[in-house]
Amino acid sequence: MCDKGNKTVSNEKEVRFENTFPNKECFIFFKKHTKLAFEAHFHERFELLYILDGECEAVINGDAYNAKKNDIVIVNKFESHFYRQLSKTIEAFVLVVDDFFLSSFYTEYGGKVFSHILRYEEKSAEIKLLLEKWFRRGTDSVVFNTGCFNLLLSLLAECDMLCNKPDIAFNYINAITYINEHYMENITMQSVAKKMGYSEVYFSSRFNKMVGMNFRAYLNLLRIKKAKEMLSDGNKTIEEVALKVGFNNMATYYRALKRTGE
């Protein structure tokens, strides 16, 4: 954070529109980030990562893309993704936009999505200028933000980044949703594979590739995160919370806590 005159300028801005449009909550998250999401996740939003400095590996739907300075990574809605930082330090613009703002794009390019990596020096420079101007302005103006995003989409479309939606045999969304809803129960990789209709070998292989860790590691990480959330209100003991989130005893809780590094 720095101070320019009487105005404080932050490297982090978040803009959220509520009730701007009838029956809609419209969300734009725009941040200059030095830490990237290392845990696999998905959402019903468009995500763009512009690498300002450093290097990372973006894993999207199980496929890895190496991204360096001035590269652009795009994640379409409902795509599994996480990042591995490859350089000692990294800085990137991270833009996450509600699906509502892509309505015109879907009308124009129905059935198309964006490919995941852009290495096109001329267009990358143009996109960088747009992102920098947008970031500096940091306004909650619906007109300005919508205009900037539409211009960004048009620049990306000019880069021949549009492609057909991939046919993904492994239903990652259903699997993760089920785990996230049943983590408190005594679920196993075998039981979830059966629930999803996959063989244990296939489920294990695809899950590891899509998520970047095995089933048990993901489940323990999820349980530890949920336990920390429950403990934050101070109304329950650690033992109560550990059992509540699905650990059989305190020994397994502490082992998982140590392994996750949380």
C-alpha atoms as a PDB file:
ATOM      1  CA  MET A   1       0.000   0.000   0.000  1.00  0.00           C
ATOM      2  CA  CYS A   2       1.290   3.485  -0.778  1.00  0.00           C
ATOM      3  CA  ASP A   3       0.122   7.030  -0.219  1.00  0.00           C
ATOM      4  CA  LYS A   4      -0.270   9.531  -3.046  1.00  0.00           C
ATOM      5  CA  GLY A   5      -1.050  12.916  -1.623  1.00  0.00           C
ATOM      6  CA  ASN A   6      -4.201  12.518   0.421  1.00  0.00           C
ATOM      7  CA  LYS A   7      -5.337   9.404  -1.424  1.00  0.00           C
ATOM      8  CA  THR A   8      -4.408   5.925  -0.262  1.00  0.00           C
ATOM      9  CA  VAL A   9      -3.821   3.474  -3.118  1.00  0.00           C
ATOM     10  CA  SER A  10      -4.027  -0.229  -2.339  1.00  0.00           C
ATOM     11  CA  ASN A  11      -2.761  -3.157  -4.388  1.00  0.00           C
ATOM     12  CA  GLU A  12      -5.951  -4.989  -3.533  1.00  0.00           C
ATOM     13  CA  LYS A  13      -9.415  -3.972  -4.628  1.00  0.00           C
ATOM     14  CA  GLU A  14     -12.673  -5.860  -4.555  1.00  0.00           C
ATOM     15  CA  VAL A  15     -15.823  -4.631  -6.215  1.00  0.00           C
ATOM     16  CA  ARG A  16     -19.186  -6.203  -5.446  1.00  0.00           C
ATOM     17  CA  PHE A  17     -22.508  -5.100  -6.879  1.00  0.00           C
ATOM     18  CA  GLU A  18     -25.632  -5.995  -4.963  1.00  0.00           C
ATOM     19  CA  ASN A  19     -29.115  -5.423  -6.342  1.00  0.00           C
ATOM     20  CA  THR A  20     -27.703  -3.335  -9.160  1.00  0.00           C
ATOM     21  CA  PHE A  21     -29.803  -5.340 -11.584  1.00  0.00           C
ATOM     22  CA  PRO A  22     -33.233  -6.826 -10.821  1.00  0.00           C
ATOM     23  CA  ASN A  23     -32.870 -10.164  -8.997  1.00  0.00           C
ATOM     24  CA  LYS A  24     -29.134 -10.263  -9.708  1.00  0.00           C
ATOM     25  CA  GLU A  25     -26.045 -10.110  -7.546  1.00  0.00           C
ATOM     26  CA  CYS A  26     -23.172  -9.169  -9.826  1.00  0.00           C
ATOM     27  CA  PHE A  27     -19.636  -9.788  -8.694  1.00  0.00           C
ATOM     28  CA  ILE A  28     -16.234  -8.602  -9.899  1.00  0.00           C
ATOM     29  CA  PHE A  29     -13.074  -9.479  -7.974  1.00  0.00           C
ATOM     30  CA  PHE A  30      -9.916  -7.765  -9.234  1.00  0.00           C
ATOM     31  CA  LYS A  31      -6.666  -8.031  -7.348  1.00  0.00           C
ATOM     32  CA  LYS A  32      -2.931  -7.688  -7.832  1.00  0.00           C
ATOM     33  CA  HIS A  33      -1.883 -10.929  -6.196  1.00  0.00           C
ATOM     34  CA  THR A  34       1.407 -12.352  -4.886  1.00  0.00           C
ATOM     35  CA  LYS A  35      -0.113 -15.668  -3.768  1.00  0.00           C
ATOM     36  CA  LEU A  36      -2.062 -18.017  -6.007  1.00  0.00           C
ATOM     37  CA  ALA A  37      -4.695 -20.627  -5.148  1.00  0.00           C
ATOM     38  CA  PHE A  38      -2.839 -23.938  -4.740  1.00  0.00           C
ATOM     39  CA  GLU A  39      -5.966 -25.931  -3.870  1.00  0.00           C
ATOM     40  CA  ALA A  40      -8.135 -27.326  -6.666  1.00  0.00           C
ATOM     41  CA  HIS A  41     -11.530 -25.657  -6.954  1.00  0.00           C
ATOM     42  CA  PHE A  42     -14.155 -24.559  -9.452  1.00  0.00           C
ATOM     43  CA  HIS A  43     -16.807 -21.856  -9.646  1.00  0.00           C
ATOM     44  CA  GLU A  44     -19.490 -20.500 -11.962  1.00  0.00           C
ATOM     45  CA  ARG A  45     -17.315 -17.546 -12.952  1.00  0.00           C
ATOM     46  CA  PHE A  46     -14.775 -16.487 -15.559  1.00  0.00           C
ATOM     47  CA  GLU A  47     -11.210 -16.229 -14.223  1.00  0.00           C
ATOM     48  CA  LEU A  48      -8.200 -14.563 -15.825  1.00  0.00           C
ATOM     49  CA  LEU A  49      -4.639 -14.563 -14.565  1.00  0.00           C
ATOM     50  CA  TYR A  50      -2.148 -12.100 -16.101  1.00  0.00           C
ATOM     51  CA  ILE A  51       1.430 -12.888 -15.029  1.00  0.00           C
ATOM     52  CA  LEU A  52       3.205  -9.608 -14.267  1.00  0.00           C
ATOM     53  CA  ASP A  53       6.345 -11.233 -12.901  1.00  0.00           C
ATOM     54  CA  GLY A  54       7.524 -14.743 -12.057  1.00  0.00           C
ATOM     55  CA  GLU A  55       6.384 -18.142 -13.254  1.00  0.00           C
ATOM     56  CA  CYS A  56       3.684 -20.634 -12.335  1.00  0.00           C
ATOM     57  CA  GLU A  57       2.060 -23.831 -13.502  1.00  0.00           C
ATOM     58  CA  ALA A  58      -1.688 -23.634 -14.033  1.00  0.00           C
ATOM     59  CA  VAL A  59      -3.483 -26.993 -13.832  1.00  0.00           C
ATOM     60  CA  ILE A  60      -6.889 -26.781 -15.510  1.00  0.00           C
ATOM     61  CA  ASN A  61      -9.081 -29.871 -15.900  1.00  0.00           C
ATOM     62  CA  GLY A  62      -5.991 -31.935 -15.134  1.00  0.00           C
ATOM     63  CA  ASP A  63      -3.861 -30.381 -17.900  1.00  0.00           C
ATOM     64  CA  ALA A  64      -0.779 -28.368 -16.888  1.00  0.00           C
ATOM     65  CA  TYR A  65       0.207 -25.069 -18.535  1.00  0.00           C
ATOM     66  CA  ASN A  66       3.462 -23.288 -17.791  1.00  0.00           C
ATOM     67  CA  ALA A  67       2.877 -19.520 -17.556  1.00  0.00           C
ATOM     68  CA  LYS A  68       5.596 -16.860 -17.426  1.00  0.00           C
ATOM     69  CA  LYS A  69       5.747 -13.074 -17.431  1.00  0.00           C
ATOM     70  CA  ASN A  70       3.167 -11.519 -19.803  1.00  0.00           C
ATOM     71  CA  ASP A  71       1.351 -14.826 -20.331  1.00  0.00           C
ATOM     72  CA  ILE A  72      -2.398 -14.951 -19.764  1.00  0.00           C
ATOM     73  CA  VAL A  73      -4.215 -17.916 -18.218  1.00  0.00           C
ATOM     74  CA  ILE A  74      -7.983 -18.262 -18.607  1.00  0.00           C
ATOM     75  CA  VAL A  75     -10.326 -20.526 -16.674  1.00  0.00           C
ATOM     76  CA  ASN A  76     -13.886 -20.971 -17.925  1.00  0.00           C
ATOM     77  CA  LYS A  77     -16.765 -21.548 -15.531  1.00  0.00           C
ATOM     78  CA  PHE A  78     -16.963 -24.939 -13.808  1.00  0.00           C
ATOM     79  CA  GLU A  79     -13.405 -25.859 -14.783  1.00  0.00           C
ATOM     80  CA  SER A  80     -11.229 -27.467 -12.130  1.00  0.00           C
ATOM     81  CA  HIS A  81      -8.123 -25.354 -11.538  1.00  0.00           C
ATOM     82  CA  PHE A  82      -5.250 -24.610  -9.213  1.00  0.00           C
ATOM     83  CA  TYR A  83      -1.782 -23.088  -9.497  1.00  0.00           C
ATOM     84  CA  ARG A  84       1.737 -24.137  -8.547  1.00  0.00           C
ATOM     85  CA  GLN A  85       4.206 -21.299  -8.024  1.00  0.00           C
ATOM     86  CA  LEU A  86       7.459 -22.135  -9.828  1.00  0.00           C
ATOM     87  CA  SER A  87       9.479 -18.990  -9.111  1.00  0.00           C
ATOM     88  CA  LYS A  88      10.553 -17.639  -5.731  1.00  0.00           C
ATOM     89  CA  THR A  89       8.193 -14.690  -6.116  1.00  0.00           C
ATOM     90  CA  ILE A  90       5.235 -14.042  -8.374  1.00  0.00           C
ATOM     91  CA  GLU A  91       2.915 -11.163  -9.103  1.00  0.00           C
ATOM     92  CA  ALA A  92      -0.232 -11.356 -11.189  1.00  0.00           C
ATOM     93  CA  PHE A  93      -3.481  -9.636 -11.911  1.00  0.00           C
ATOM     94  CA  VAL A  94      -6.305 -11.952 -10.861  1.00  0.00           C
ATOM     95  CA  LEU A  95      -9.720 -11.157 -12.305  1.00  0.00           C
ATOM     96  CA  VAL A  96     -12.805 -13.184 -11.397  1.00  0.00           C
ATOM     97  CA  VAL A  97     -16.078 -12.114 -12.999  1.00  0.00           C
ATOM     98  CA  ASP A  98     -19.630 -13.256 -12.404  1.00  0.00           C
ATOM     99  CA  ASP A  99     -21.217 -15.272 -15.215  1.00  0.00           C
ATOM    100  CA  PHE A 100     -23.818 -12.515 -15.583  1.00  0.00           C
ATOM    101  CA  PHE A 101     -21.265 -10.296 -17.339  1.00  0.00           C
ATOM    102  CA  LEU A 102     -20.730 -12.875 -20.103  1.00  0.00           C
ATOM    103  CA  SER A 103     -24.337 -12.888 -21.330  1.00  0.00           C
ATOM    104  CA  SER A 104     -23.451 -10.889 -24.467  1.00  0.00           C
ATOM    105  CA  PHE A 105     -20.473 -13.176 -25.133  1.00  0.00           C
ATOM    106  CA  TYR A 106     -22.661 -16.293 -24.929  1.00  0.00           C
ATOM    107  CA  THR A 107     -25.152 -14.704 -27.312  1.00  0.00           C
ATOM    108  CA  GLU A 108     -22.395 -13.891 -29.815  1.00  0.00           C
ATOM    109  CA  TYR A 109     -20.345 -17.070 -29.454  1.00  0.00           C
ATOM    110  CA  GLY A 110     -22.841 -19.659 -28.229  1.00  0.00           C
ATOM    111  CA  GLY A 111     -21.201 -22.982 -27.401  1.00  0.00           C
ATOM    112  CA  LYS A 112     -17.670 -21.556 -27.433  1.00  0.00           C
ATOM    113  CA  VAL A 113     -15.242 -21.198 -24.528  1.00  0.00           C
ATOM    114  CA  PHE A 114     -11.752 -19.752 -24.220  1.00  0.00           C
ATOM    115  CA  SER A 115      -8.596 -21.814 -24.554  1.00  0.00           C
ATOM    116  CA  HIS A 116      -6.471 -21.744 -21.427  1.00  0.00           C
ATOM    117  CA  ILE A 117      -3.176 -20.037 -22.283  1.00  0.00           C
ATOM    118  CA  LEU A 118      -2.306 -16.954 -24.347  1.00  0.00           C
ATOM    119  CA  ARG A 119       1.230 -16.192 -25.448  1.00  0.00           C
ATOM    120  CA  TYR A 120       0.736 -13.412 -27.983  1.00  0.00           C
ATOM    121  CA  GLU A 121       3.073 -10.530 -27.212  1.00  0.00           C
ATOM    122  CA  GLU A 122       1.246  -7.783 -29.103  1.00  0.00           C
ATOM    123  CA  LYS A 123      -2.209  -8.591 -27.700  1.00  0.00           C
ATOM    124  CA  SER A 124      -0.839  -9.355 -24.247  1.00  0.00           C
ATOM    125  CA  ALA A 125       0.632  -5.850 -24.094  1.00  0.00           C
ATOM    126  CA  GLU A 126      -2.718  -4.341 -25.128  1.00  0.00           C
ATOM    127  CA  ILE A 127      -4.570  -6.394 -22.531  1.00  0.00           C
ATOM    128  CA  LYS A 128      -2.029  -5.428 -19.876  1.00  0.00           C
ATOM    129  CA  LEU A 129      -2.636  -1.710 -20.546  1.00  0.00           C
ATOM    130  CA  LEU A 130      -6.376  -2.254 -20.192  1.00  0.00           C
ATOM    131  CA  LEU A 131      -5.975  -4.166 -16.928  1.00  0.00           C
ATOM    132  CA  GLU A 132      -3.622  -1.537 -15.493  1.00  0.00           C
ATOM    133  CA  LYS A 133      -6.028   1.287 -16.337  1.00  0.00           C
ATOM    134  CA  TRP A 134      -8.932  -0.672 -14.886  1.00  0.00           C
ATOM    135  CA  PHE A 135      -6.985  -1.479 -11.730  1.00  0.00           C
ATOM    136  CA  ARG A 136      -5.822   2.100 -11.188  1.00  0.00           C
ATOM    137  CA  ARG A 137      -9.363   3.397 -11.579  1.00  0.00           C
ATOM    138  CA  GLY A 138     -10.673   0.943  -8.974  1.00  0.00           C
ATOM    139  CA  THR A 139     -14.260   2.127  -9.300  1.00  0.00           C
ATOM    140  CA  ASP A 140     -17.551   0.467  -8.448  1.00  0.00           C
ATOM    141  CA  SER A 141     -19.159   2.041 -11.525  1.00  0.00           C
ATOM    142  CA  VAL A 142     -21.231  -0.626 -13.257  1.00  0.00           C
ATOM    143  CA  VAL A 143     -20.874   1.120 -16.613  1.00  0.00           C
ATOM    144  CA  PHE A 144     -17.089   1.406 -16.375  1.00  0.00           C
ATOM    145  CA  ASN A 145     -16.518  -2.156 -15.145  1.00  0.00           C
ATOM    146  CA  THR A 146     -18.880  -3.672 -17.699  1.00  0.00           C
ATOM    147  CA  GLY A 147     -17.226  -1.661 -20.467  1.00  0.00           C
ATOM    148  CA  CYS A 148     -13.727  -2.748 -19.428  1.00  0.00           C
ATOM    149  CA  PHE A 149     -14.723  -6.396 -19.270  1.00  0.00           C
ATOM    150  CA  ASN A 150     -16.478  -6.314 -22.645  1.00  0.00           C
ATOM    151  CA  LEU A 151     -13.367  -4.735 -24.181  1.00  0.00           C
ATOM    152  CA  LEU A 152     -11.248  -7.446 -22.564  1.00  0.00           C
ATOM    153  CA  LEU A 153     -13.474 -10.158 -24.051  1.00  0.00           C
ATOM    154  CA  SER A 154     -13.224  -8.596 -27.510  1.00  0.00           C
ATOM    155  CA  LEU A 155      -9.417  -8.481 -27.302  1.00  0.00           C
ATOM    156  CA  LEU A 156      -9.289 -12.129 -26.238  1.00  0.00           C
ATOM    157  CA  ALA A 157     -11.651 -13.141 -29.057  1.00  0.00           C
ATOM    158  CA  GLU A 158      -9.340 -11.405 -31.552  1.00  0.00           C
ATOM    159  CA  CYS A 159      -6.507 -13.674 -30.401  1.00  0.00           C
ATOM    160  CA  ASP A 160      -8.225 -16.798 -31.798  1.00  0.00           C
ATOM    161  CA  MET A 161      -8.678 -18.106 -28.245  1.00  0.00           C
ATOM    162  CA  LEU A 162     -12.186 -19.446 -28.806  1.00  0.00           C
ATOM    163  CA  CYS A 163     -12.710 -23.188 -28.994  1.00  0.00           C
ATOM    164  CA  ASN A 164     -15.438 -25.776 -28.517  1.00  0.00           C
ATOM    165  CA  LYS A 165     -16.239 -26.965 -25.021  1.00  0.00           C
ATOM    166  CA  PRO A 166     -14.035 -29.955 -24.151  1.00  0.00           C
ATOM    167  CA  ASP A 167     -15.615 -33.350 -23.629  1.00  0.00           C
ATOM    168  CA  ILE A 168     -14.489 -34.313 -20.127  1.00  0.00           C
ATOM    169  CA  ALA A 169     -15.292 -37.934 -19.294  1.00  0.00           C
ATOM    170  CA  PHE A 170     -14.605 -37.580 -15.571  1.00  0.00           C
ATOM    171  CA  ASN A 171     -17.352 -35.628 -13.797  1.00  0.00           C
ATOM    172  CA  TYR A 172     -15.107 -33.705 -11.432  1.00  0.00           C
ATOM    173  CA  ILE A 173     -17.835 -31.273 -10.386  1.00  0.00           C
ATOM    174  CA  ASN A 174     -20.175 -34.000  -9.125  1.00  0.00           C
ATOM    175  CA  ALA A 175     -17.344 -35.751  -7.284  1.00  0.00           C
ATOM    176  CA  ILE A 176     -16.062 -32.621  -5.513  1.00  0.00           C
ATOM    177  CA  THR A 177     -19.585 -31.416  -4.737  1.00  0.00           C
ATOM    178  CA  TYR A 178     -20.407 -34.769  -3.159  1.00  0.00           C
ATOM    179  CA  ILE A 179     -17.222 -34.750  -1.047  1.00  0.00           C
ATOM    180  CA  ASN A 180     -17.803 -31.153   0.049  1.00  0.00           C
ATOM    181  CA  GLU A 181     -21.345 -32.026   1.149  1.00  0.00           C
ATOM    182  CA  HIS A 182     -20.490 -35.326   2.903  1.00  0.00           C
ATOM    183  CA  TYR A 183     -17.011 -34.709   4.378  1.00  0.00           C
ATOM    184  CA  MET A 184     -18.415 -35.098   7.924  1.00  0.00           C
ATOM    185  CA  GLU A 185     -19.436 -38.679   7.168  1.00  0.00           C
ATOM    186  CA  ASN A 186     -17.265 -41.790   6.987  1.00  0.00           C
ATOM    187  CA  ILE A 187     -16.654 -41.518   3.254  1.00  0.00           C
ATOM    188  CA  THR A 188     -13.794 -43.242   1.434  1.00  0.00           C
ATOM    189  CA  MET A 189     -12.336 -43.086  -2.030  1.00  0.00           C
ATOM    190  CA  GLN A 190     -13.953 -46.458  -2.749  1.00  0.00           C
ATOM    191  CA  SER A 191     -17.415 -45.347  -1.598  1.00  0.00           C
ATOM    192  CA  VAL A 192     -17.290 -42.081  -3.588  1.00  0.00           C
ATOM    193  CA  ALA A 193     -16.029 -43.868  -6.713  1.00  0.00           C
ATOM    194  CA  LYS A 194     -18.938 -46.297  -6.463  1.00  0.00           C
ATOM    195  CA  LYS A 195     -21.381 -43.434  -5.873  1.00  0.00           C
ATOM    196  CA  MET A 196     -20.112 -41.672  -9.008  1.00  0.00           C
ATOM    197  CA  GLY A 197     -20.207 -44.879 -11.075  1.00  0.00           C
ATOM    198  CA  TYR A 198     -16.444 -45.201 -11.629  1.00  0.00           C
ATOM    199  CA  SER A 199     -13.995 -47.999 -10.936  1.00  0.00           C
ATOM    200  CA  GLU A 200     -11.655 -47.340  -8.017  1.00  0.00           C
ATOM    201  CA  VAL A 201      -8.571 -47.295 -10.258  1.00  0.00           C
ATOM    202  CA  TYR A 202     -10.072 -44.849 -12.770  1.00  0.00           C
ATOM    203  CA  PHE A 203     -11.497 -42.563 -10.074  1.00  0.00           C
ATOM    204  CA  SER A 204      -8.205 -42.465  -8.168  1.00  0.00           C
ATOM    205  CA  SER A 205      -6.172 -41.702 -11.294  1.00  0.00           C
ATOM    206  CA  ARG A 206      -8.483 -38.957 -12.607  1.00  0.00           C
ATOM    207  CA  PHE A 207      -9.038 -37.408  -9.170  1.00  0.00           C
ATOM    208  CA  ASN A 208      -5.292 -37.157  -8.533  1.00  0.00           C
ATOM    209  CA  LYS A 209      -4.750 -35.504 -11.897  1.00  0.00           C
ATOM    210  CA  MET A 210      -7.633 -33.039 -11.629  1.00  0.00           C
ATOM    211  CA  VAL A 211      -7.077 -32.053  -7.999  1.00  0.00           C
ATOM    212  CA  GLY A 212      -3.301 -32.357  -7.694  1.00  0.00           C
ATOM    213  CA  MET A 213      -3.515 -34.589  -4.616  1.00  0.00           C
ATOM    214  CA  ASN A 214      -5.033 -37.927  -3.698  1.00  0.00           C
ATOM    215  CA  PHE A 215      -8.511 -38.391  -2.254  1.00  0.00           C
ATOM    216  CA  ARG A 216      -7.393 -38.786   1.377  1.00  0.00           C
ATOM    217  CA  ALA A 217      -5.185 -35.687   1.249  1.00  0.00           C
ATOM    218  CA  TYR A 218      -8.022 -33.603  -0.191  1.00  0.00           C
ATOM    219  CA  LEU A 219     -10.542 -34.901   2.344  1.00  0.00           C
ATOM    220  CA  ASN A 220      -8.203 -34.198   5.270  1.00  0.00           C
ATOM    221  CA  LEU A 221      -7.416 -30.724   3.989  1.00  0.00           C
ATOM    222  CA  LEU A 222     -11.127 -29.980   3.647  1.00  0.00           C
ATOM    223  CA  ARG A 223     -11.862 -31.286   7.150  1.00  0.00           C
ATOM    224  CA  ILE A 224      -9.040 -29.251   8.686  1.00  0.00           C
ATOM    225  CA  LYS A 225     -10.274 -26.080   6.981  1.00  0.00           C
ATOM    226  CA  LYS A 226     -13.823 -26.694   8.182  1.00  0.00           C
ATOM    227  CA  ALA A 227     -12.533 -27.405  11.695  1.00  0.00           C
ATOM    228  CA  LYS A 228     -10.691 -24.069  11.762  1.00  0.00           C
ATOM    229  CA  GLU A 229     -13.858 -22.283  10.700  1.00  0.00           C
ATOM    230  CA  MET A 230     -15.837 -23.950  13.504  1.00  0.00           C
ATOM    231  CA  LEU A 231     -13.162 -23.220  16.099  1.00  0.00           C
ATOM    232  CA  SER A 232     -13.090 -19.524  15.215  1.00  0.00           C
ATOM    233  CA  ASP A 233     -16.342 -18.841  17.100  1.00  0.00           C
ATOM    234  CA  GLY A 234     -14.852 -20.232  20.335  1.00  0.00           C
ATOM    235  CA  ASN A 235     -17.990 -22.142  21.328  1.00  0.00           C
ATOM    236  CA  LYS A 236     -16.670 -25.681  20.836  1.00  0.00           C
ATOM    237  CA  THR A 237     -13.627 -27.644  22.006  1.00  0.00           C
ATOM    238  CA  ILE A 238     -11.058 -28.991  19.569  1.00  0.00           C
ATOM    239  CA  GLU A 239     -12.208 -32.551  20.273  1.00  0.00           C
ATOM    240  CA  GLU A 240     -15.847 -31.684  19.565  1.00  0.00           C
ATOM    241  CA  VAL A 241     -14.916 -30.025  16.300  1.00  0.00           C
ATOM    242  CA  ALA A 242     -12.526 -32.799  15.203  1.00  0.00           C
ATOM    243  CA  LEU A 243     -15.268 -35.409  15.601  1.00  0.00           C
ATOM    244  CA  LYS A 244     -17.844 -33.114  13.996  1.00  0.00           C
ATOM    245  CA  VAL A 245     -15.852 -32.724  10.765  1.00  0.00           C
ATOM    246  CA  GLY A 246     -15.328 -36.466  10.386  1.00  0.00           C
ATOM    247  CA  PHE A 247     -12.134 -37.470  12.184  1.00  0.00           C
ATOM    248  CA  ASN A 248     -12.460 -40.691  14.186  1.00  0.00           C
ATOM    249  CA  ASN A 249     -10.213 -39.517  17.029  1.00  0.00           C
ATOM    250  CA  MET A 250      -7.786 -36.785  18.040  1.00  0.00           C
ATOM    251  CA  ALA A 251      -4.743 -38.731  16.823  1.00  0.00           C
ATOM    252  CA  THR A 252      -5.995 -38.723  13.215  1.00  0.00           C
ATOM    253  CA  TYR A 253      -6.928 -35.045  13.564  1.00  0.00           C
ATOM    254  CA  TYR A 254      -3.439 -34.046  14.684  1.00  0.00           C
ATOM    255  CA  ARG A 255      -1.774 -36.201  12.030  1.00  0.00           C
ATOM    256  CA  ALA A 256      -3.898 -34.543   9.336  1.00  0.00           C
ATOM    257  CA  LEU A 257      -3.180 -31.098  10.804  1.00  0.00           C
ATOM    258  CA  LYS A 258       0.560 -31.747  10.634  1.00  0.00           C
ATOM    259  CA  ARG A 259       0.462 -33.111   7.088  1.00  0.00           C
ATOM    260  CA  THR A 260      -1.662 -30.302   5.678  1.00  0.00           C
ATOM    261  CA  GLY A 261       0.532 -27.644   7.282  1.00  0.00           C
ATOM    262  CA  GLU A 262      -2.583 -25.660   8.156  1.00  0.00           C
END
